Amino acid sequence: MHLSRNRRLIGGGITAIALVTVGLVYAAWTTSGTGSGYAKAESAQDLTTVDVSATTDATLYPGATGDVEIEIANPNPYPVQVADITGDGAITPDGAHSGCSPTGVTYTDQTGLTIDVPANDSTATTLNGAVQMSNAAANACQGATFTIPVTLTGASS
């Protein structure tokens, strides 16, 4: 059976219209584009120390090496590993020992440490053998608790 030429043209036209319509519908539902996303980095907060003088053990006397008790506070939202704790100023006795001069106390910088301090938390540690008292220490230094200013150096971990 032969279709007439008009019927074939009409059928072909309908098919073409259907294909164009499907193509337009498909095109109407797909798209692409470009643009930018944004992220902002935190600003690091300084590490600090917490006063632990009330719980510090007495390990110093003239000619001895003693321990330094330190609690490091990390206000950052990420953990930090402290690598170095270096001396940063004059070592002073507590206020009740004003006659303790000279103190004869020296601090040895601590480097190559691996003290992990969790995010928004603190960690207490003992720096064994980090402080010395010479025989030049004044008699009035007996029973004194010494404040040792330090600089803490670390990195996010």
C-alpha atoms as a PDB file:
ATOM      1  CA  MET A   1       0.000   0.000   0.000  1.00  0.00           C
ATOM      2  CA  HIS A   2       1.367   3.298  -1.060  1.00  0.00           C
ATOM      3  CA  LEU A   3       0.708   6.350   0.916  1.00  0.00           C
ATOM      4  CA  SER A   4       0.030   9.424  -1.020  1.00  0.00           C
ATOM      5  CA  ARG A   5       2.686  12.031  -1.202  1.00  0.00           C
ATOM      6  CA  ASN A   6       0.591  14.489   0.877  1.00  0.00           C
ATOM      7  CA  ARG A   7       0.073  11.929   3.610  1.00  0.00           C
ATOM      8  CA  ARG A   8       3.803  11.247   3.755  1.00  0.00           C
ATOM      9  CA  LEU A   9       4.548  14.958   3.984  1.00  0.00           C
ATOM     10  CA  ILE A  10       1.954  15.418   6.701  1.00  0.00           C
ATOM     11  CA  GLY A  11       3.336  12.413   8.636  1.00  0.00           C
ATOM     12  CA  GLY A  12       6.908  13.664   8.241  1.00  0.00           C
ATOM     13  CA  GLY A  13       5.871  17.155   9.332  1.00  0.00           C
ATOM     14  CA  ILE A  14       4.121  15.820  12.431  1.00  0.00           C
ATOM     15  CA  THR A  15       7.200  13.730  13.272  1.00  0.00           C
ATOM     16  CA  ALA A  16       9.481  16.765  12.823  1.00  0.00           C
ATOM     17  CA  ILE A  17       7.222  18.909  15.021  1.00  0.00           C
ATOM     18  CA  ALA A  18       7.190  16.198  17.693  1.00  0.00           C
ATOM     19  CA  LEU A  19      10.988  15.943  17.656  1.00  0.00           C
ATOM     20  CA  VAL A  20      11.424  19.721  17.850  1.00  0.00           C
ATOM     21  CA  THR A  21       8.928  19.874  20.730  1.00  0.00           C
ATOM     22  CA  VAL A  22      10.767  17.114  22.622  1.00  0.00           C
ATOM     23  CA  GLY A  23      14.062  18.942  21.994  1.00  0.00           C
ATOM     24  CA  LEU A  24      12.656  22.211  23.343  1.00  0.00           C
ATOM     25  CA  VAL A  25      11.251  20.514  26.447  1.00  0.00           C
ATOM     26  CA  TYR A  26      14.599  18.844  27.069  1.00  0.00           C
ATOM     27  CA  ALA A  27      16.413  22.142  26.569  1.00  0.00           C
ATOM     28  CA  ALA A  28      14.025  23.886  28.933  1.00  0.00           C
ATOM     29  CA  TRP A  29      14.984  21.497  31.731  1.00  0.00           C
ATOM     30  CA  THR A  30      18.759  21.520  31.370  1.00  0.00           C
ATOM     31  CA  THR A  31      21.043  24.426  31.998  1.00  0.00           C
ATOM     32  CA  SER A  32      24.571  25.237  33.081  1.00  0.00           C
ATOM     33  CA  GLY A  33      26.477  28.221  34.308  1.00  0.00           C
ATOM     34  CA  THR A  34      29.522  29.482  36.169  1.00  0.00           C
ATOM     35  CA  GLY A  35      30.108  31.473  39.334  1.00  0.00           C
ATOM     36  CA  SER A  36      32.035  31.416  42.617  1.00  0.00           C
ATOM     37  CA  GLY A  37      31.695  29.767  46.023  1.00  0.00           C
ATOM     38  CA  TYR A  38      33.165  31.280  49.172  1.00  0.00           C
ATOM     39  CA  ALA A  39      34.862  30.031  52.341  1.00  0.00           C
ATOM     40  CA  LYS A  40      36.535  32.040  55.076  1.00  0.00           C
ATOM     41  CA  ALA A  41      39.454  30.926  57.239  1.00  0.00           C
ATOM     42  CA  GLU A  42      39.458  31.318  61.007  1.00  0.00           C
ATOM     43  CA  SER A  43      42.003  33.646  62.583  1.00  0.00           C
ATOM     44  CA  ALA A  44      44.255  31.804  65.012  1.00  0.00           C
ATOM     45  CA  GLN A  45      43.867  32.770  68.661  1.00  0.00           C
ATOM     46  CA  ASP A  46      46.951  32.938  70.910  1.00  0.00           C
ATOM     47  CA  LEU A  47      47.605  30.049  73.254  1.00  0.00           C
ATOM     48  CA  THR A  48      47.709  31.041  76.918  1.00  0.00           C
ATOM     49  CA  THR A  49      48.719  29.476  80.207  1.00  0.00           C
ATOM     50  CA  VAL A  50      46.548  28.795  83.224  1.00  0.00           C
ATOM     51  CA  ASP A  51      47.784  29.613  86.750  1.00  0.00           C
ATOM     52  CA  VAL A  52      48.603  26.292  88.394  1.00  0.00           C
ATOM     53  CA  SER A  53      50.794  27.770  91.147  1.00  0.00           C
ATOM     54  CA  ALA A  54      48.550  26.379  93.887  1.00  0.00           C
ATOM     55  CA  THR A  55      49.170  22.793  92.749  1.00  0.00           C
ATOM     56  CA  THR A  56      52.876  23.081  91.858  1.00  0.00           C
ATOM     57  CA  ASP A  57      55.167  20.630  93.669  1.00  0.00           C
ATOM     58  CA  ALA A  58      58.254  21.936  95.484  1.00  0.00           C
ATOM     59  CA  THR A  59      61.246  20.519  93.587  1.00  0.00           C
ATOM     60  CA  LEU A  60      63.763  23.384  93.811  1.00  0.00           C
ATOM     61  CA  TYR A  61      66.557  24.067  96.276  1.00  0.00           C
ATOM     62  CA  PRO A  62      70.030  25.587  95.840  1.00  0.00           C
ATOM     63  CA  GLY A  63      72.076  23.478  93.418  1.00  0.00           C
ATOM     64  CA  ALA A  64      69.045  21.482  92.214  1.00  0.00           C
ATOM     65  CA  THR A  65      67.199  21.046  88.954  1.00  0.00           C
ATOM     66  CA  GLY A  66      63.418  21.056  89.223  1.00  0.00           C
ATOM     67  CA  ASP A  67      60.249  20.669  87.215  1.00  0.00           C
ATOM     68  CA  VAL A  68      58.005  23.323  85.690  1.00  0.00           C
ATOM     69  CA  GLU A  69      54.260  22.764  85.839  1.00  0.00           C
ATOM     70  CA  ILE A  70      52.339  24.361  82.994  1.00  0.00           C
ATOM     71  CA  GLU A  71      48.772  24.230  81.757  1.00  0.00           C
ATOM     72  CA  ILE A  72      48.267  25.384  78.181  1.00  0.00           C
ATOM     73  CA  ALA A  73      44.863  26.692  77.082  1.00  0.00           C
ATOM     74  CA  ASN A  74      43.818  26.526  73.425  1.00  0.00           C
ATOM     75  CA  PRO A  75      40.861  28.813  72.537  1.00  0.00           C
ATOM     76  CA  ASN A  76      40.919  27.696  68.882  1.00  0.00           C
ATOM     77  CA  PRO A  77      38.249  25.437  67.311  1.00  0.00           C
ATOM     78  CA  TYR A  78      41.001  23.043  66.191  1.00  0.00           C
ATOM     79  CA  PRO A  79      43.652  21.055  68.085  1.00  0.00           C
ATOM     80  CA  VAL A  80      47.181  22.444  68.437  1.00  0.00           C
ATOM     81  CA  GLN A  81      50.489  20.708  69.035  1.00  0.00           C
ATOM     82  CA  VAL A  82      52.989  22.760  71.045  1.00  0.00           C
ATOM     83  CA  ALA A  83      56.566  22.196  69.908  1.00  0.00           C
ATOM     84  CA  ASP A  84      58.550  24.812  71.857  1.00  0.00           C
ATOM     85  CA  ILE A  85      58.243  26.544  75.226  1.00  0.00           C
ATOM     86  CA  THR A  86      60.921  29.203  75.565  1.00  0.00           C
ATOM     87  CA  GLY A  87      61.717  31.642  78.363  1.00  0.00           C
ATOM     88  CA  ASP A  88      60.391  35.144  77.835  1.00  0.00           C
ATOM     89  CA  GLY A  89      61.403  37.442  80.667  1.00  0.00           C
ATOM     90  CA  ALA A  90      62.506  37.713  84.268  1.00  0.00           C
ATOM     91  CA  ILE A  91      61.618  34.893  86.647  1.00  0.00           C
ATOM     92  CA  THR A  92      59.930  36.308  89.756  1.00  0.00           C
ATOM     93  CA  PRO A  93      58.966  34.911  93.154  1.00  0.00           C
ATOM     94  CA  ASP A  94      55.431  35.127  94.509  1.00  0.00           C
ATOM     95  CA  GLY A  95      54.425  38.267  96.436  1.00  0.00           C
ATOM     96  CA  ALA A  96      54.905  36.647  99.846  1.00  0.00           C
ATOM     97  CA  HIS A  97      58.655  36.297  99.155  1.00  0.00           C
ATOM     98  CA  SER A  98      59.662  39.871  98.311  1.00  0.00           C
ATOM     99  CA  GLY A  99      63.115  39.388  99.904  1.00  0.00           C
ATOM    100  CA  CYS A 100      63.903  36.609  97.405  1.00  0.00           C
ATOM    101  CA  SER A 101      66.527  38.431  95.393  1.00  0.00           C
ATOM    102  CA  PRO A 102      68.566  37.189  93.722  1.00  0.00           C
ATOM    103  CA  THR A 103      66.374  34.215  92.985  1.00  0.00           C
ATOM    104  CA  GLY A 104      69.160  32.222  91.340  1.00  0.00           C
ATOM    105  CA  VAL A 105      66.452  30.538  89.250  1.00  0.00           C
ATOM    106  CA  THR A 106      66.956  29.925  85.529  1.00  0.00           C
ATOM    107  CA  TYR A 107      64.785  28.246  82.918  1.00  0.00           C
ATOM    108  CA  THR A 108      66.037  26.003  80.111  1.00  0.00           C
ATOM    109  CA  ASP A 109      64.141  26.415  76.834  1.00  0.00           C
ATOM    110  CA  GLN A 110      62.177  23.313  75.860  1.00  0.00           C
ATOM    111  CA  THR A 111      62.189  22.508  72.143  1.00  0.00           C
ATOM    112  CA  GLY A 112      61.089  19.573  70.021  1.00  0.00           C
ATOM    113  CA  LEU A 113      58.072  18.906  72.255  1.00  0.00           C
ATOM    114  CA  THR A 114      54.843  17.199  71.187  1.00  0.00           C
ATOM    115  CA  ILE A 115      52.240  18.539  73.603  1.00  0.00           C
ATOM    116  CA  ASP A 116      48.769  18.046  72.133  1.00  0.00           C
ATOM    117  CA  VAL A 117      46.159  20.571  73.243  1.00  0.00           C
ATOM    118  CA  PRO A 118      42.579  19.765  72.139  1.00  0.00           C
ATOM    119  CA  ALA A 119      40.347  22.348  70.506  1.00  0.00           C
ATOM    120  CA  ASN A 120      38.704  24.747  72.986  1.00  0.00           C
ATOM    121  CA  ASP A 121      40.386  22.978  75.887  1.00  0.00           C
ATOM    122  CA  SER A 122      43.556  22.915  77.961  1.00  0.00           C
ATOM    123  CA  THR A 123      46.295  20.421  78.777  1.00  0.00           C
ATOM    124  CA  ALA A 124      48.492  20.307  81.873  1.00  0.00           C
ATOM    125  CA  THR A 125      52.012  18.967  81.573  1.00  0.00           C
ATOM    126  CA  THR A 126      55.262  18.808  83.521  1.00  0.00           C
ATOM    127  CA  LEU A 127      58.498  19.981  81.970  1.00  0.00           C
ATOM    128  CA  ASN A 128      60.937  17.730  83.820  1.00  0.00           C
ATOM    129  CA  GLY A 129      64.269  19.313  84.728  1.00  0.00           C
ATOM    130  CA  ALA A 130      63.445  22.600  82.990  1.00  0.00           C
ATOM    131  CA  VAL A 131      64.338  24.913  85.906  1.00  0.00           C
ATOM    132  CA  GLN A 132      67.467  25.236  88.016  1.00  0.00           C
ATOM    133  CA  MET A 133      68.279  27.049  91.255  1.00  0.00           C
ATOM    134  CA  SER A 134      71.872  28.091  91.824  1.00  0.00           C
ATOM    135  CA  ASN A 135      73.650  28.348  95.162  1.00  0.00           C
ATOM    136  CA  ALA A 136      73.315  32.148  94.748  1.00  0.00           C
ATOM    137  CA  ALA A 137      69.594  31.994  95.616  1.00  0.00           C
ATOM    138  CA  ALA A 138      68.709  34.188  98.588  1.00  0.00           C
ATOM    139  CA  ASN A 139      67.692  32.502 101.839  1.00  0.00           C
ATOM    140  CA  ALA A 140      64.354  34.339 101.578  1.00  0.00           C
ATOM    141  CA  CYS A 141      63.507  32.169  98.497  1.00  0.00           C
ATOM    142  CA  GLN A 142      62.620  29.202 100.713  1.00  0.00           C
ATOM    143  CA  GLY A 143      59.039  28.129  99.963  1.00  0.00           C
ATOM    144  CA  ALA A 144      58.635  30.613  97.090  1.00  0.00           C
ATOM    145  CA  THR A 145      56.641  29.772  93.978  1.00  0.00           C
ATOM    146  CA  PHE A 146      58.306  31.232  90.894  1.00  0.00           C
ATOM    147  CA  THR A 147      56.535  32.656  87.866  1.00  0.00           C
ATOM    148  CA  ILE A 148      58.408  31.824  84.664  1.00  0.00           C
ATOM    149  CA  PRO A 149      57.242  33.867  81.648  1.00  0.00           C
ATOM    150  CA  VAL A 150      57.284  31.728  78.501  1.00  0.00           C
ATOM    151  CA  THR A 151      56.463  31.880  74.817  1.00  0.00           C
ATOM    152  CA  LEU A 152      54.528  28.950  73.393  1.00  0.00           C
ATOM    153  CA  THR A 153      55.059  27.905  69.780  1.00  0.00           C
ATOM    154  CA  GLY A 154      52.913  25.324  68.043  1.00  0.00           C
ATOM    155  CA  ALA A 155      50.804  24.528  65.023  1.00  0.00           C
ATOM    156  CA  SER A 156      47.398  23.137  64.222  1.00  0.00           C
ATOM    157  CA  SER A 157      47.367  19.366  64.305  1.00  0.00           C
END
